[in-house]
All heavy atoms as atom14 arrays in JSON, in Angstrom:
{
  "sequence": "AEPVPVLVPDGGDTAQLRCRAQGVPGVQLHWEHQGHALSPDEARFQEH",
  "atom14_mask": [
    [1, 1, 1, 1, 1, 0, 0, 0, 0, 0, 0, 0, 0, 0],
    [1, 1, 1, 1, 1, 1, 1, 1, 1, 0, 0, 0, 0, 0],
    [1, 1, 1, 1, 1, 1, 1, 0, 0, 0, 0, 0, 0, 0],
    [1, 1, 1, 1, 1, 1, 1, 0, 0, 0, 0, 0, 0, 0],
    [1, 1, 1, 1, 1, 1, 1, 0, 0, 0, 0, 0, 0, 0],
    [1, 1, 1, 1, 1, 1, 1, 0, 0, 0, 0, 0, 0, 0],
    [1, 1, 1, 1, 1, 1, 1, 1, 0, 0, 0, 0, 0, 0],
    [1, 1, 1, 1, 1, 1, 1, 0, 0, 0, 0, 0, 0, 0],
    [1, 1, 1, 1, 1, 1, 1, 0, 0, 0, 0, 0, 0, 0],
    [1, 1, 1, 1, 1, 1, 1, 1, 0, 0, 0, 0, 0, 0],
    [1, 1, 1, 1, 0, 0, 0, 0, 0, 0, 0, 0, 0, 0],
    [1, 1, 1, 1, 0, 0, 0, 0, 0, 0, 0, 0, 0, 0],
    [1, 1, 1, 1, 1, 1, 1, 1, 0, 0, 0, 0, 0, 0],
    [1, 1, 1, 1, 1, 1, 1, 0, 0, 0, 0, 0, 0, 0],
    [1, 1, 1, 1, 1, 0, 0, 0, 0, 0, 0, 0, 0, 0],
    [1, 1, 1, 1, 1, 1, 1, 1, 1, 0, 0, 0, 0, 0],
    [1, 1, 1, 1, 1, 1, 1, 1, 0, 0, 0, 0, 0, 0],
    [1, 1, 1, 1, 1, 1, 1, 1, 1, 1, 1, 0, 0, 0],
    [1, 1, 1, 1, 1, 1, 0, 0, 0, 0, 0, 0, 0, 0],
    [1, 1, 1, 1, 1, 1, 1, 1, 1, 1, 1, 0, 0, 0],
    [1, 1, 1, 1, 1, 0, 0, 0, 0, 0, 0, 0, 0, 0],
    [1, 1, 1, 1, 1, 1, 1, 1, 1, 0, 0, 0, 0, 0],
    [1, 1, 1, 1, 0, 0, 0, 0, 0, 0, 0, 0, 0, 0],
    [1, 1, 1, 1, 1, 1, 1, 0, 0, 0, 0, 0, 0, 0],
    [1, 1, 1, 1, 1, 1, 1, 0, 0, 0, 0, 0, 0, 0],
    [1, 1, 1, 1, 0, 0, 0, 0, 0, 0, 0, 0, 0, 0],
    [1, 1, 1, 1, 1, 1, 1, 0, 0, 0, 0, 0, 0, 0],
    [1, 1, 1, 1, 1, 1, 1, 1, 1, 0, 0, 0, 0, 0],
    [1, 1, 1, 1, 1, 1, 1, 1, 0, 0, 0, 0, 0, 0],
    [1, 1, 1, 1, 1, 1, 1, 1, 1, 1, 0, 0, 0, 0],
    [1, 1, 1, 1, 1, 1, 1, 1, 1, 1, 1, 1, 1, 1],
    [1, 1, 1, 1, 1, 1, 1, 1, 1, 0, 0, 0, 0, 0],
    [1, 1, 1, 1, 1, 1, 1, 1, 1, 1, 0, 0, 0, 0],
    [1, 1, 1, 1, 1, 1, 1, 1, 1, 0, 0, 0, 0, 0],
    [1, 1, 1, 1, 0, 0, 0, 0, 0, 0, 0, 0, 0, 0],
    [1, 1, 1, 1, 1, 1, 1, 1, 1, 1, 0, 0, 0, 0],
    [1, 1, 1, 1, 1, 0, 0, 0, 0, 0, 0, 0, 0, 0],
    [1, 1, 1, 1, 1, 1, 1, 1, 0, 0, 0, 0, 0, 0],
    [1, 1, 1, 1, 1, 1, 0, 0, 0, 0, 0, 0, 0, 0],
    [1, 1, 1, 1, 1, 1, 1, 0, 0, 0, 0, 0, 0, 0],
    [1, 1, 1, 1, 1, 1, 1, 1, 0, 0, 0, 0, 0, 0],
    [1, 1, 1, 1, 1, 1, 1, 1, 1, 0, 0, 0, 0, 0],
    [1, 1, 1, 1, 1, 0, 0, 0, 0, 0, 0, 0, 0, 0],
    [1, 1, 1, 1, 1, 1, 1, 1, 1, 1, 1, 0, 0, 0],
    [1, 1, 1, 1, 1, 1, 1, 1, 1, 1, 1, 0, 0, 0],
    [1, 1, 1, 1, 1, 1, 1, 1, 1, 0, 0, 0, 0, 0],
    [1, 1, 1, 1, 1, 1, 1, 1, 1, 0, 0, 0, 0, 0],
    [1, 1, 1, 1, 1, 1, 1, 1, 1, 1, 0, 0, 0, 0]
  ],
  "atom14_positions": [
    [[11.36, 0.28, 4.84], [10.77, -1.05, 4.99], [10.95, -1.82, 3.69], [11.08, -1.23, 2.62], [9.29, -0.93, 5.34], [0.0, 0.0, 0.0], [0.0, 0.0, 0.0], [0.0, 0.0, 0.0], [0.0, 0.0, 0.0], [0.0, 0.0, 0.0], [0.0, 0.0, 0.0], [0.0, 0.0, 0.0], [0.0, 0.0, 0.0], [0.0, 0.0, 0.0]],
    [[10.95, -3.13, 3.79], [11.04, -3.98, 2.6], [9.92, -3.6, 1.64], [8.78, -3.41, 2.07], [10.82, -5.44, 2.99], [12.04, -6.11, 3.54], [13.1, -6.3, 2.47], [12.9, -7.14, 1.57], [14.12, -5.59, 2.53], [0.0, 0.0, 0.0], [0.0, 0.0, 0.0], [0.0, 0.0, 0.0], [0.0, 0.0, 0.0], [0.0, 0.0, 0.0]],
    [[10.21, -3.53, 0.34], [9.11, -3.26, -0.59], [8.12, -4.43, -0.58], [8.5, -5.58, -0.4], [9.78, -3.14, -1.95], [11.19, -3.54, -1.78], [11.5, -3.64, -0.33], [0.0, 0.0, 0.0], [0.0, 0.0, 0.0], [0.0, 0.0, 0.0], [0.0, 0.0, 0.0], [0.0, 0.0, 0.0], [0.0, 0.0, 0.0], [0.0, 0.0, 0.0]],
    [[6.85, -4.11, -0.75], [5.81, -5.13, -0.8], [5.8, -5.72, -2.2], [5.65, -4.99, -3.18], [4.43, -4.5, -0.51], [3.33, -5.54, -0.6], [4.44, -3.8, 0.83], [0.0, 0.0, 0.0], [0.0, 0.0, 0.0], [0.0, 0.0, 0.0], [0.0, 0.0, 0.0], [0.0, 0.0, 0.0], [0.0, 0.0, 0.0], [0.0, 0.0, 0.0]],
    [[5.99, -7.04, -2.34], [5.99, -7.61, -3.68], [4.57, -7.72, -4.24], [3.65, -8.11, -3.53], [6.6, -9.0, -3.51], [6.45, -9.33, -2.07], [6.26, -8.05, -1.31], [0.0, 0.0, 0.0], [0.0, 0.0, 0.0], [0.0, 0.0, 0.0], [0.0, 0.0, 0.0], [0.0, 0.0, 0.0], [0.0, 0.0, 0.0], [0.0, 0.0, 0.0]],
    [[4.41, -7.33, -5.5], [3.14, -7.5, -6.19], [3.44, -8.38, -7.4], [4.24, -8.0, -8.26], [2.57, -6.14, -6.66], [1.3, -6.33, -7.45], [2.34, -5.22, -5.47], [0.0, 0.0, 0.0], [0.0, 0.0, 0.0], [0.0, 0.0, 0.0], [0.0, 0.0, 0.0], [0.0, 0.0, 0.0], [0.0, 0.0, 0.0], [0.0, 0.0, 0.0]],
    [[2.85, -9.57, -7.44], [3.22, -10.53, -8.48], [2.33, -10.41, -9.72], [1.12, -10.31, -9.6], [3.13, -11.95, -7.93], [4.12, -12.27, -6.8], [3.96, -13.71, -6.35], [5.56, -12.01, -7.23], [0.0, 0.0, 0.0], [0.0, 0.0, 0.0], [0.0, 0.0, 0.0], [0.0, 0.0, 0.0], [0.0, 0.0, 0.0], [0.0, 0.0, 0.0]],
    [[2.97, -10.43, -10.87], [2.25, -10.45, -12.14], [2.32, -11.87, -12.66], [3.41, -12.4, -12.84], [2.94, -9.53, -13.18], [2.14, -9.51, -14.47], [3.11, -8.14, -12.62], [0.0, 0.0, 0.0], [0.0, 0.0, 0.0], [0.0, 0.0, 0.0], [0.0, 0.0, 0.0], [0.0, 0.0, 0.0], [0.0, 0.0, 0.0], [0.0, 0.0, 0.0]],
    [[1.17, -12.51, -12.89], [1.23, -13.89, -13.39], [1.93, -13.94, -14.74], [1.85, -13.0, -15.52], [-0.24, -14.31, -13.51], [-1.04, -13.08, -13.35], [-0.19, -12.02, -12.73], [0.0, 0.0, 0.0], [0.0, 0.0, 0.0], [0.0, 0.0, 0.0], [0.0, 0.0, 0.0], [0.0, 0.0, 0.0], [0.0, 0.0, 0.0], [0.0, 0.0, 0.0]],
    [[2.64, -15.03, -14.99], [3.36, -15.16, -16.25], [2.36, -15.07, -17.38], [1.31, -15.71, -17.35], [4.09, -16.51, -16.28], [5.28, -16.45, -17.21], [5.83, -15.35, -17.4], [5.64, -17.49, -17.78], [0.0, 0.0, 0.0], [0.0, 0.0, 0.0], [0.0, 0.0, 0.0], [0.0, 0.0, 0.0], [0.0, 0.0, 0.0], [0.0, 0.0, 0.0]],
    [[2.64, -14.23, -18.37], [1.71, -14.05, -19.47], [0.72, -12.91, -19.22], [0.06, -12.45, -20.13], [0.0, 0.0, 0.0], [0.0, 0.0, 0.0], [0.0, 0.0, 0.0], [0.0, 0.0, 0.0], [0.0, 0.0, 0.0], [0.0, 0.0, 0.0], [0.0, 0.0, 0.0], [0.0, 0.0, 0.0], [0.0, 0.0, 0.0], [0.0, 0.0, 0.0]],
    [[0.6, -12.45, -17.98], [-0.32, -11.35, -17.68], [0.21, -10.04, -18.25], [1.41, -9.81, -18.23], [0.0, 0.0, 0.0], [0.0, 0.0, 0.0], [0.0, 0.0, 0.0], [0.0, 0.0, 0.0], [0.0, 0.0, 0.0], [0.0, 0.0, 0.0], [0.0, 0.0, 0.0], [0.0, 0.0, 0.0], [0.0, 0.0, 0.0], [0.0, 0.0, 0.0]],
    [[-0.67, -9.2, -18.74], [-0.2, -7.95, -19.35], [-0.58, -6.7, -18.55], [-0.15, -5.61, -18.87], [-0.72, -7.84, -20.79], [0.16, -6.87, -21.59], [1.37, -6.81, -21.31], [-0.37, -6.19, -22.47], [0.0, 0.0, 0.0], [0.0, 0.0, 0.0], [0.0, 0.0, 0.0], [0.0, 0.0, 0.0], [0.0, 0.0, 0.0], [0.0, 0.0, 0.0]],
    [[-1.4, -6.86, -17.52], [-1.67, -5.71, -16.66], [-1.45, -6.12, -15.21], [-1.55, -7.3, -14.86], [-3.11, -5.18, -16.79], [-4.0, -6.24, -16.44], [-3.42, -4.68, -18.18], [0.0, 0.0, 0.0], [0.0, 0.0, 0.0], [0.0, 0.0, 0.0], [0.0, 0.0, 0.0], [0.0, 0.0, 0.0], [0.0, 0.0, 0.0], [0.0, 0.0, 0.0]],
    [[-1.14, -5.13, -14.4], [-0.93, -5.39, -12.98], [-1.67, -4.32, -12.2], [-1.86, -3.21, -12.69], [0.55, -5.32, -12.66], [0.0, 0.0, 0.0], [0.0, 0.0, 0.0], [0.0, 0.0, 0.0], [0.0, 0.0, 0.0], [0.0, 0.0, 0.0], [0.0, 0.0, 0.0], [0.0, 0.0, 0.0], [0.0, 0.0, 0.0], [0.0, 0.0, 0.0]],
    [[-2.09, -4.67, -10.99], [-2.78, -3.69, -10.15], [-2.05, -3.54, -8.82], [-1.76, -4.52, -8.15], [-4.22, -4.12, -9.92], [-5.04, -4.05, -11.2], [-6.52, -4.12, -10.92], [-6.97, -4.89, -10.1], [-7.28, -3.3, -11.62], [0.0, 0.0, 0.0], [0.0, 0.0, 0.0], [0.0, 0.0, 0.0], [0.0, 0.0, 0.0], [0.0, 0.0, 0.0]],
    [[-1.75, -2.28, -8.51], [-1.08, -1.97, -7.25], [-2.07, -1.24, -6.37], [-2.74, -0.31, -6.81], [0.12, -1.06, -7.52], [1.16, -1.59, -8.51], [2.16, -0.51, -8.85], [1.88, -2.79, -7.94], [0.0, 0.0, 0.0], [0.0, 0.0, 0.0], [0.0, 0.0, 0.0], [0.0, 0.0, 0.0], [0.0, 0.0, 0.0], [0.0, 0.0, 0.0]],
    [[-2.18, -1.67, -5.12], [-3.14, -1.06, -4.19], [-2.42, -0.38, -3.06], [-1.43, -0.89, -2.56], [-4.04, -2.14, -3.58], [-4.95, -2.78, -4.59], [-5.56, -4.06, -4.04], [-6.09, -4.86, -5.13], [-7.28, -4.64, -5.66], [-8.07, -3.68, -5.19], [-7.71, -5.37, -6.67], [0.0, 0.0, 0.0], [0.0, 0.0, 0.0], [0.0, 0.0, 0.0]],
    [[-2.99, 0.74, -2.63], [-2.4, 1.47, -1.53], [-3.53, 2.12, -0.74], [-4.52, 2.56, -1.32], [-1.46, 2.53, -2.1], [-0.63, 3.49, -0.84], [0.0, 0.0, 0.0], [0.0, 0.0, 0.0], [0.0, 0.0, 0.0], [0.0, 0.0, 0.0], [0.0, 0.0, 0.0], [0.0, 0.0, 0.0], [0.0, 0.0, 0.0], [0.0, 0.0, 0.0]],
    [[-3.38, 2.15, 0.59], [-4.45, 2.68, 1.43], [-3.8, 3.39, 2.61], [-2.84, 2.88, 3.18], [-5.26, 1.49, 1.93], [-6.64, 1.82, 2.41], [-7.44, 0.54, 2.46], [-7.37, -0.09, 3.77], [-8.41, -0.18, 4.61], [-9.59, 0.32, 4.27], [-8.3, -0.77, 5.76], [0.0, 0.0, 0.0], [0.0, 0.0, 0.0], [0.0, 0.0, 0.0]],
    [[-4.3, 4.55, 2.96], [-3.73, 5.27, 4.09], [-4.83, 6.06, 4.79], [-5.84, 6.41, 4.19], [-2.64, 6.22, 3.62], [0.0, 0.0, 0.0], [0.0, 0.0, 0.0], [0.0, 0.0, 0.0], [0.0, 0.0, 0.0], [0.0, 0.0, 0.0], [0.0, 0.0, 0.0], [0.0, 0.0, 0.0], [0.0, 0.0, 0.0], [0.0, 0.0, 0.0]],
    [[-4.61, 6.33, 6.07], [-5.56, 7.18, 6.77], [-4.79, 8.23, 7.55], [-3.65, 8.04, 7.94], [-6.47, 6.38, 7.69], [-5.77, 5.76, 8.89], [-6.76, 5.21, 9.9], [-7.94, 5.55, 9.86], [-6.28, 4.36, 10.77], [0.0, 0.0, 0.0], [0.0, 0.0, 0.0], [0.0, 0.0, 0.0], [0.0, 0.0, 0.0], [0.0, 0.0, 0.0]],
    [[-5.45, 9.35, 7.78], [-4.82, 10.41, 8.55], [-5.82, 11.49, 8.85], [-6.88, 11.58, 8.24], [0.0, 0.0, 0.0], [0.0, 0.0, 0.0], [0.0, 0.0, 0.0], [0.0, 0.0, 0.0], [0.0, 0.0, 0.0], [0.0, 0.0, 0.0], [0.0, 0.0, 0.0], [0.0, 0.0, 0.0], [0.0, 0.0, 0.0], [0.0, 0.0, 0.0]],
    [[-5.5, 12.28, 9.85], [-6.29, 13.47, 10.17], [-5.3, 14.62, 10.18], [-4.32, 14.57, 10.91], [-6.94, 13.33, 11.57], [-7.73, 14.6, 11.9], [-7.83, 12.1, 11.64], [0.0, 0.0, 0.0], [0.0, 0.0, 0.0], [0.0, 0.0, 0.0], [0.0, 0.0, 0.0], [0.0, 0.0, 0.0], [0.0, 0.0, 0.0], [0.0, 0.0, 0.0]],
    [[-5.5, 15.65, 9.36], [-6.53, 15.76, 8.3], [-6.35, 14.69, 7.22], [-5.34, 14.01, 7.19], [-6.29, 17.15, 7.72], [-5.11, 17.75, 8.41], [-4.59, 16.78, 9.4], [0.0, 0.0, 0.0], [0.0, 0.0, 0.0], [0.0, 0.0, 0.0], [0.0, 0.0, 0.0], [0.0, 0.0, 0.0], [0.0, 0.0, 0.0], [0.0, 0.0, 0.0]],
    [[-7.37, 14.62, 6.33], [-7.41, 13.59, 5.28], [-6.14, 13.54, 4.44], [-5.41, 14.51, 4.3], [0.0, 0.0, 0.0], [0.0, 0.0, 0.0], [0.0, 0.0, 0.0], [0.0, 0.0, 0.0], [0.0, 0.0, 0.0], [0.0, 0.0, 0.0], [0.0, 0.0, 0.0], [0.0, 0.0, 0.0], [0.0, 0.0, 0.0], [0.0, 0.0, 0.0]],
    [[-5.92, 12.37, 3.86], [-4.68, 12.08, 3.15], [-4.92, 12.11, 1.64], [-5.94, 11.64, 1.16], [-4.19, 10.67, 3.56], [-3.01, 10.23, 2.75], [-3.85, 10.65, 5.04], [0.0, 0.0, 0.0], [0.0, 0.0, 0.0], [0.0, 0.0, 0.0], [0.0, 0.0, 0.0], [0.0, 0.0, 0.0], [0.0, 0.0, 0.0], [0.0, 0.0, 0.0]],
    [[-3.97, 12.69, 0.92], [-3.93, 12.59, -0.55], [-2.89, 11.54, -0.92], [-1.82, 11.51, -0.32], [-3.47, 13.92, -1.16], [-4.56, 14.97, -1.29], [-5.61, 14.54, -2.3], [-6.77, 14.35, -1.95], [-5.21, 14.37, -3.55], [0.0, 0.0, 0.0], [0.0, 0.0, 0.0], [0.0, 0.0, 0.0], [0.0, 0.0, 0.0], [0.0, 0.0, 0.0]],
    [[-3.19, 10.73, -1.9], [-2.22, 9.72, -2.35], [-1.75, 10.05, -3.76], [-2.51, 10.54, -4.58], [-2.86, 8.33, -2.39], [-3.37, 7.75, -1.06], [-4.01, 6.39, -1.31], [-2.24, 7.62, -0.07], [0.0, 0.0, 0.0], [0.0, 0.0, 0.0], [0.0, 0.0, 0.0], [0.0, 0.0, 0.0], [0.0, 0.0, 0.0], [0.0, 0.0, 0.0]],
    [[-0.48, 9.81, -4.03], [-0.03, 9.78, -5.42], [1.08, 8.75, -5.56], [1.61, 8.25, -4.58], [0.38, 11.17, -5.94], [1.67, 11.69, -5.39], [1.73, 12.53, -4.29], [2.95, 11.49, -5.78], [3.0, 12.82, -4.03], [3.75, 12.2, -4.91], [0.0, 0.0, 0.0], [0.0, 0.0, 0.0], [0.0, 0.0, 0.0], [0.0, 0.0, 0.0]],
    [[1.39, 8.43, -6.81], [2.35, 7.36, -7.1], [3.6, 7.93, -7.76], [3.54, 8.87, -8.53], [1.73, 6.34, -8.03], [0.62, 5.56, -7.43], [-0.71, 5.9, -7.4], [0.71, 4.31, -6.74], [-1.44, 4.94, -6.74], [-0.59, 3.95, -6.33], [1.78, 3.45, -6.43], [-0.86, 2.77, -5.64], [1.51, 2.28, -5.75], [0.21, 1.95, -5.36]],
    [[4.72, 7.3, -7.45], [5.98, 7.63, -8.11], [6.57, 6.36, -8.72], [6.38, 5.27, -8.2], [6.99, 8.2, -7.11], [6.59, 9.53, -6.52], [7.53, 10.0, -5.41], [8.39, 9.2, -4.94], [7.38, 11.16, -5.0], [0.0, 0.0, 0.0], [0.0, 0.0, 0.0], [0.0, 0.0, 0.0], [0.0, 0.0, 0.0], [0.0, 0.0, 0.0]],
    [[7.29, 6.55, -9.82], [7.96, 5.43, -10.49], [9.28, 5.95, -11.01], [9.32, 7.02, -11.63], [7.07, 4.96, -11.66], [7.65, 3.8, -12.42], [8.16, 2.67, -11.83], [7.77, 3.61, -13.76], [8.57, 1.83, -12.77], [8.35, 2.38, -13.94], [0.0, 0.0, 0.0], [0.0, 0.0, 0.0], [0.0, 0.0, 0.0], [0.0, 0.0, 0.0]],
    [[10.37, 5.24, -10.72], [11.71, 5.66, -11.14], [12.0, 7.08, -10.68], [12.54, 7.89, -11.42], [11.86, 5.53, -12.66], [11.8, 4.08, -13.1], [11.7, 3.89, -14.6], [11.26, 4.81, -15.3], [12.05, 2.73, -15.06], [0.0, 0.0, 0.0], [0.0, 0.0, 0.0], [0.0, 0.0, 0.0], [0.0, 0.0, 0.0], [0.0, 0.0, 0.0]],
    [[11.59, 7.39, -9.46], [11.93, 8.68, -8.86], [11.07, 9.85, -9.28], [11.3, 10.97, -8.85], [0.0, 0.0, 0.0], [0.0, 0.0, 0.0], [0.0, 0.0, 0.0], [0.0, 0.0, 0.0], [0.0, 0.0, 0.0], [0.0, 0.0, 0.0], [0.0, 0.0, 0.0], [0.0, 0.0, 0.0], [0.0, 0.0, 0.0], [0.0, 0.0, 0.0]],
    [[10.07, 9.63, -10.13], [9.23, 10.74, -10.59], [7.77, 10.45, -10.33], [7.34, 9.3, -10.41], [9.41, 10.96, -12.1], [10.83, 11.24, -12.49], [11.45, 12.43, -12.22], [11.75, 10.45, -13.11], [12.7, 12.38, -12.66], [12.91, 11.18, -13.21], [0.0, 0.0, 0.0], [0.0, 0.0, 0.0], [0.0, 0.0, 0.0], [0.0, 0.0, 0.0]],
    [[7.01, 11.49, -10.06], [5.56, 11.32, -9.93], [5.02, 10.85, -11.28], [5.5, 11.28, -12.32], [4.91, 12.64, -9.53], [0.0, 0.0, 0.0], [0.0, 0.0, 0.0], [0.0, 0.0, 0.0], [0.0, 0.0, 0.0], [0.0, 0.0, 0.0], [0.0, 0.0, 0.0], [0.0, 0.0, 0.0], [0.0, 0.0, 0.0], [0.0, 0.0, 0.0]],
    [[4.06, 9.95, -11.26], [3.46, 9.47, -12.51], [2.7, 10.61, -13.15], [1.94, 11.31, -12.5], [2.48, 8.33, -12.24], [3.08, 7.01, -11.76], [2.0, 5.95, -11.74], [4.23, 6.57, -12.63], [0.0, 0.0, 0.0], [0.0, 0.0, 0.0], [0.0, 0.0, 0.0], [0.0, 0.0, 0.0], [0.0, 0.0, 0.0], [0.0, 0.0, 0.0]],
    [[2.91, 10.77, -14.44], [2.2, 11.86, -15.1], [0.82, 11.37, -15.52], [0.69, 10.25, -16.02], [3.02, 12.39, -16.27], [2.52, 11.9, -17.48], [0.0, 0.0, 0.0], [0.0, 0.0, 0.0], [0.0, 0.0, 0.0], [0.0, 0.0, 0.0], [0.0, 0.0, 0.0], [0.0, 0.0, 0.0], [0.0, 0.0, 0.0], [0.0, 0.0, 0.0]],
    [[-0.22, 12.18, -15.28], [-1.6, 11.75, -15.52], [-1.87, 11.42, -16.99], [-2.76, 10.65, -17.29], [-2.45, 12.97, -15.11], [-1.51, 13.95, -14.49], [-0.11, 13.56, -14.82], [0.0, 0.0, 0.0], [0.0, 0.0, 0.0], [0.0, 0.0, 0.0], [0.0, 0.0, 0.0], [0.0, 0.0, 0.0], [0.0, 0.0, 0.0], [0.0, 0.0, 0.0]],
    [[-1.08, 11.99, -17.9], [-1.35, 11.74, -19.32], [-0.59, 10.52, -19.84], [-0.59, 10.25, -21.02], [-1.02, 12.98, -20.16], [0.4, 13.45, -19.93], [1.0, 13.07, -18.9], [0.92, 14.22, -20.77], [0.0, 0.0, 0.0], [0.0, 0.0, 0.0], [0.0, 0.0, 0.0], [0.0, 0.0, 0.0], [0.0, 0.0, 0.0], [0.0, 0.0, 0.0]],
    [[0.07, 9.8, -18.96], [0.76, 8.6, -19.43], [-0.23, 7.45, -19.48], [-0.72, 6.97, -18.45], [1.93, 8.26, -18.5], [3.02, 7.56, -19.26], [4.3, 7.38, -18.45], [4.51, 8.11, -17.48], [5.06, 6.47, -18.82], [0.0, 0.0, 0.0], [0.0, 0.0, 0.0], [0.0, 0.0, 0.0], [0.0, 0.0, 0.0], [0.0, 0.0, 0.0]],
    [[-0.51, 7.01, -20.7], [-1.64, 6.1, -20.93], [-1.49, 4.75, -20.23], [-2.47, 4.11, -19.9], [-1.81, 5.89, -22.42], [0.0, 0.0, 0.0], [0.0, 0.0, 0.0], [0.0, 0.0, 0.0], [0.0, 0.0, 0.0], [0.0, 0.0, 0.0], [0.0, 0.0, 0.0], [0.0, 0.0, 0.0], [0.0, 0.0, 0.0], [0.0, 0.0, 0.0]],
    [[-0.25, 4.31, -20.0], [-0.11, 2.96, -19.44], [-0.39, 2.89, -17.93], [-0.5, 1.82, -17.37], [1.24, 2.35, -19.77], [2.44, 3.04, -19.22], [3.69, 2.26, -19.53], [3.64, 0.91, -18.97], [4.71, 0.25, -18.55], [5.89, 0.79, -18.63], [4.59, -0.95, -18.05], [0.0, 0.0, 0.0], [0.0, 0.0, 0.0], [0.0, 0.0, 0.0]],
    [[-0.49, 4.05, -17.28], [-0.82, 4.06, -15.85], [-2.19, 4.69, -15.65], [-2.45, 5.79, -16.12], [0.2, 4.9, -15.07], [1.61, 4.41, -15.21], [2.59, 5.23, -15.75], [1.97, 3.14, -14.81], [3.9, 4.79, -15.88], [3.28, 2.69, -14.93], [4.24, 3.52, -15.48], [0.0, 0.0, 0.0], [0.0, 0.0, 0.0], [0.0, 0.0, 0.0]],
    [[-3.06, 3.98, -14.96], [-4.37, 4.56, -14.65], [-4.63, 4.45, -13.16], [-4.54, 3.36, -12.59], [-5.47, 3.83, -15.42], [-5.49, 4.22, -16.88], [-6.8, 3.83, -17.52], [-7.28, 2.71, -17.35], [-7.4, 4.75, -18.25], [0.0, 0.0, 0.0], [0.0, 0.0, 0.0], [0.0, 0.0, 0.0], [0.0, 0.0, 0.0], [0.0, 0.0, 0.0]],
    [[-4.95, 5.59, -12.56], [-5.16, 5.59, -11.13], [-6.61, 5.87, -10.79], [-7.26, 6.71, -11.41], [-4.29, 6.66, -10.46], [-4.23, 6.46, -8.95], [-4.15, 7.77, -8.17], [-4.1, 8.85, -8.79], [-4.16, 7.7, -6.93], [0.0, 0.0, 0.0], [0.0, 0.0, 0.0], [0.0, 0.0, 0.0], [0.0, 0.0, 0.0], [0.0, 0.0, 0.0]],
    [[-7.12, 5.15, -9.82], [-8.47, 5.37, -9.32], [-8.34, 5.58, -7.81], [-7.77, 4.74, -7.12], [-9.33, 4.15, -9.64], [-10.72, 4.23, -9.09], [-11.57, 5.28, -9.38], [-11.4, 3.4, -8.27], [-12.72, 5.08, -8.74], [-12.64, 3.96, -8.05], [0.0, 0.0, 0.0], [0.0, 0.0, 0.0], [0.0, 0.0, 0.0], [0.0, 0.0, 0.0]]
  ]
}
């Protein structure tokens, strides 16, 4: 599917990406960037 665009305002220094899924059994979510899972110790990415 077409990627969903998330716009960063000009001059903005942080961006927020949202994702939501449902399933039975329950779903775990994680993020990938440039083909790799985001590493939890990478300070510039924070996931909640």
